[in-house]
Amino acid sequence: MDQGSGPVRTGVVKFYIDEKLFGFLIDDETNEEVYVPVAGLIDEIKKNSKVTYRVIEGKNGPEAIDVRVVKK
């Protein structure tokens, strides 16, 4: 898997569609939407999951990789 650039970021999953194998999250710091492809997942995610991730530049813009659910 590609190495993410920059620091580990945090966010909340806006939605994830298992059938389509993608979703979006909202970055805690910037409030921007970040695309989440299935290849970027380490843990299973669902709507409102609190996650950590790294960002790479994908073919259509920023993509989240190394997405992990924050354990409570």
C-alpha atoms as a PDB file:
ATOM      1  CA  MET A   1       0.000   0.000   0.000  1.00  0.00           C
ATOM      2  CA  ASP A   2       1.166   3.557  -0.680  1.00  0.00           C
ATOM      3  CA  GLN A   3       2.688   5.504   2.164  1.00  0.00           C
ATOM      4  CA  GLY A   4       0.530   8.425   3.239  1.00  0.00           C
ATOM      5  CA  SER A   5       2.007  11.866   3.139  1.00  0.00           C
ATOM      6  CA  GLY A   6       2.053  14.075   6.189  1.00  0.00           C
ATOM      7  CA  PRO A   7       0.866  13.358   9.688  1.00  0.00           C
ATOM      8  CA  VAL A   8      -1.818  11.003  10.875  1.00  0.00           C
ATOM      9  CA  ARG A   9      -5.112  12.896  10.771  1.00  0.00           C
ATOM     10  CA  THR A  10      -8.425  12.334  12.530  1.00  0.00           C
ATOM     11  CA  GLY A  11     -11.968  12.504  11.259  1.00  0.00           C
ATOM     12  CA  VAL A  12     -15.480  11.096  11.355  1.00  0.00           C
ATOM     13  CA  VAL A  13     -17.009   8.877   8.674  1.00  0.00           C
ATOM     14  CA  LYS A  14     -19.778  10.745   6.844  1.00  0.00           C
ATOM     15  CA  PHE A  15     -20.910   7.575   5.078  1.00  0.00           C
ATOM     16  CA  TYR A  16     -19.525   4.322   3.709  1.00  0.00           C
ATOM     17  CA  ILE A  17     -21.339   2.144   1.160  1.00  0.00           C
ATOM     18  CA  ASP A  18     -20.194  -1.489   1.373  1.00  0.00           C
ATOM     19  CA  GLU A  19     -21.807  -2.388  -1.959  1.00  0.00           C
ATOM     20  CA  LYS A  20     -19.942   0.409  -3.765  1.00  0.00           C
ATOM     21  CA  LEU A  21     -16.694  -0.033  -1.790  1.00  0.00           C
ATOM     22  CA  PHE A  22     -16.191   3.638  -0.974  1.00  0.00           C
ATOM     23  CA  GLY A  23     -17.293   6.464   1.265  1.00  0.00           C
ATOM     24  CA  PHE A  24     -16.297   9.840   2.623  1.00  0.00           C
ATOM     25  CA  LEU A  25     -15.093  11.159   5.936  1.00  0.00           C
ATOM     26  CA  ILE A  26     -14.969  14.665   7.382  1.00  0.00           C
ATOM     27  CA  ASP A  27     -11.549  15.837   8.575  1.00  0.00           C
ATOM     28  CA  ASP A  28     -11.635  17.082  12.194  1.00  0.00           C
ATOM     29  CA  GLU A  29      -9.231  19.943  11.543  1.00  0.00           C
ATOM     30  CA  THR A  30     -10.338  21.250   8.129  1.00  0.00           C
ATOM     31  CA  ASN A  31     -13.978  20.028   7.973  1.00  0.00           C
ATOM     32  CA  GLU A  32     -13.221  18.942   4.390  1.00  0.00           C
ATOM     33  CA  GLU A  33     -14.591  15.751   2.852  1.00  0.00           C
ATOM     34  CA  VAL A  34     -11.988  13.099   2.047  1.00  0.00           C
ATOM     35  CA  TYR A  35     -12.700  10.143  -0.264  1.00  0.00           C
ATOM     36  CA  VAL A  36     -12.275   6.707   1.334  1.00  0.00           C
ATOM     37  CA  PRO A  37     -11.719   3.813  -1.118  1.00  0.00           C
ATOM     38  CA  VAL A  38     -11.994   0.248   0.147  1.00  0.00           C
ATOM     39  CA  ALA A  39      -8.248  -0.185  -0.501  1.00  0.00           C
ATOM     40  CA  GLY A  40      -7.577   2.518   2.104  1.00  0.00           C
ATOM     41  CA  LEU A  41      -9.255   0.642   4.942  1.00  0.00           C
ATOM     42  CA  ILE A  42      -7.471  -1.232   7.695  1.00  0.00           C
ATOM     43  CA  ASP A  43     -10.534  -1.516   9.958  1.00  0.00           C
ATOM     44  CA  GLU A  44     -14.193  -1.905   8.996  1.00  0.00           C
ATOM     45  CA  ILE A  45     -15.917   1.484   9.166  1.00  0.00           C
ATOM     46  CA  LYS A  46     -19.482   2.742   9.285  1.00  0.00           C
ATOM     47  CA  LYS A  47     -21.260   6.084   9.512  1.00  0.00           C
ATOM     48  CA  ASN A  48     -20.070   8.204  12.460  1.00  0.00           C
ATOM     49  CA  SER A  49     -16.990   6.023  13.137  1.00  0.00           C
ATOM     50  CA  LYS A  50     -14.165   8.118  14.631  1.00  0.00           C
ATOM     51  CA  VAL A  51     -11.037   7.314  12.583  1.00  0.00           C
ATOM     52  CA  THR A  52      -7.380   8.096  12.068  1.00  0.00           C
ATOM     53  CA  TYR A  53      -5.933   8.143   8.559  1.00  0.00           C
ATOM     54  CA  ARG A  54      -3.276   9.472   6.218  1.00  0.00           C
ATOM     55  CA  VAL A  55      -3.843  11.299   2.944  1.00  0.00           C
ATOM     56  CA  ILE A  56      -2.433  10.567  -0.504  1.00  0.00           C
ATOM     57  CA  GLU A  57      -3.163  12.351  -3.766  1.00  0.00           C
ATOM     58  CA  GLY A  58      -5.422  10.000  -5.719  1.00  0.00           C
ATOM     59  CA  LYS A  59      -6.393  10.244  -9.366  1.00  0.00           C
ATOM     60  CA  ASN A  60      -9.420  12.395  -8.477  1.00  0.00           C
ATOM     61  CA  GLY A  61      -8.042  14.288  -5.474  1.00  0.00           C
ATOM     62  CA  PRO A  62      -7.164  13.502  -1.869  1.00  0.00           C
ATOM     63  CA  GLU A  63      -7.785   9.936  -0.683  1.00  0.00           C
ATOM     64  CA  ALA A  64      -7.692   8.498   2.821  1.00  0.00           C
ATOM     65  CA  ILE A  65      -5.457   5.484   3.415  1.00  0.00           C
ATOM     66  CA  ASP A  66      -4.476   3.498   6.531  1.00  0.00           C
ATOM     67  CA  VAL A  67      -7.979   4.206   7.888  1.00  0.00           C
ATOM     68  CA  ARG A  68      -8.351   2.831  11.421  1.00  0.00           C
ATOM     69  CA  VAL A  69     -11.223   3.098  13.878  1.00  0.00           C
ATOM     70  CA  VAL A  70     -10.272   4.921  17.075  1.00  0.00           C
ATOM     71  CA  LYS A  71     -10.793   2.505  19.951  1.00  0.00           C
ATOM     72  CA  LYS A  72     -12.775   3.935  22.834  1.00  0.00           C
END
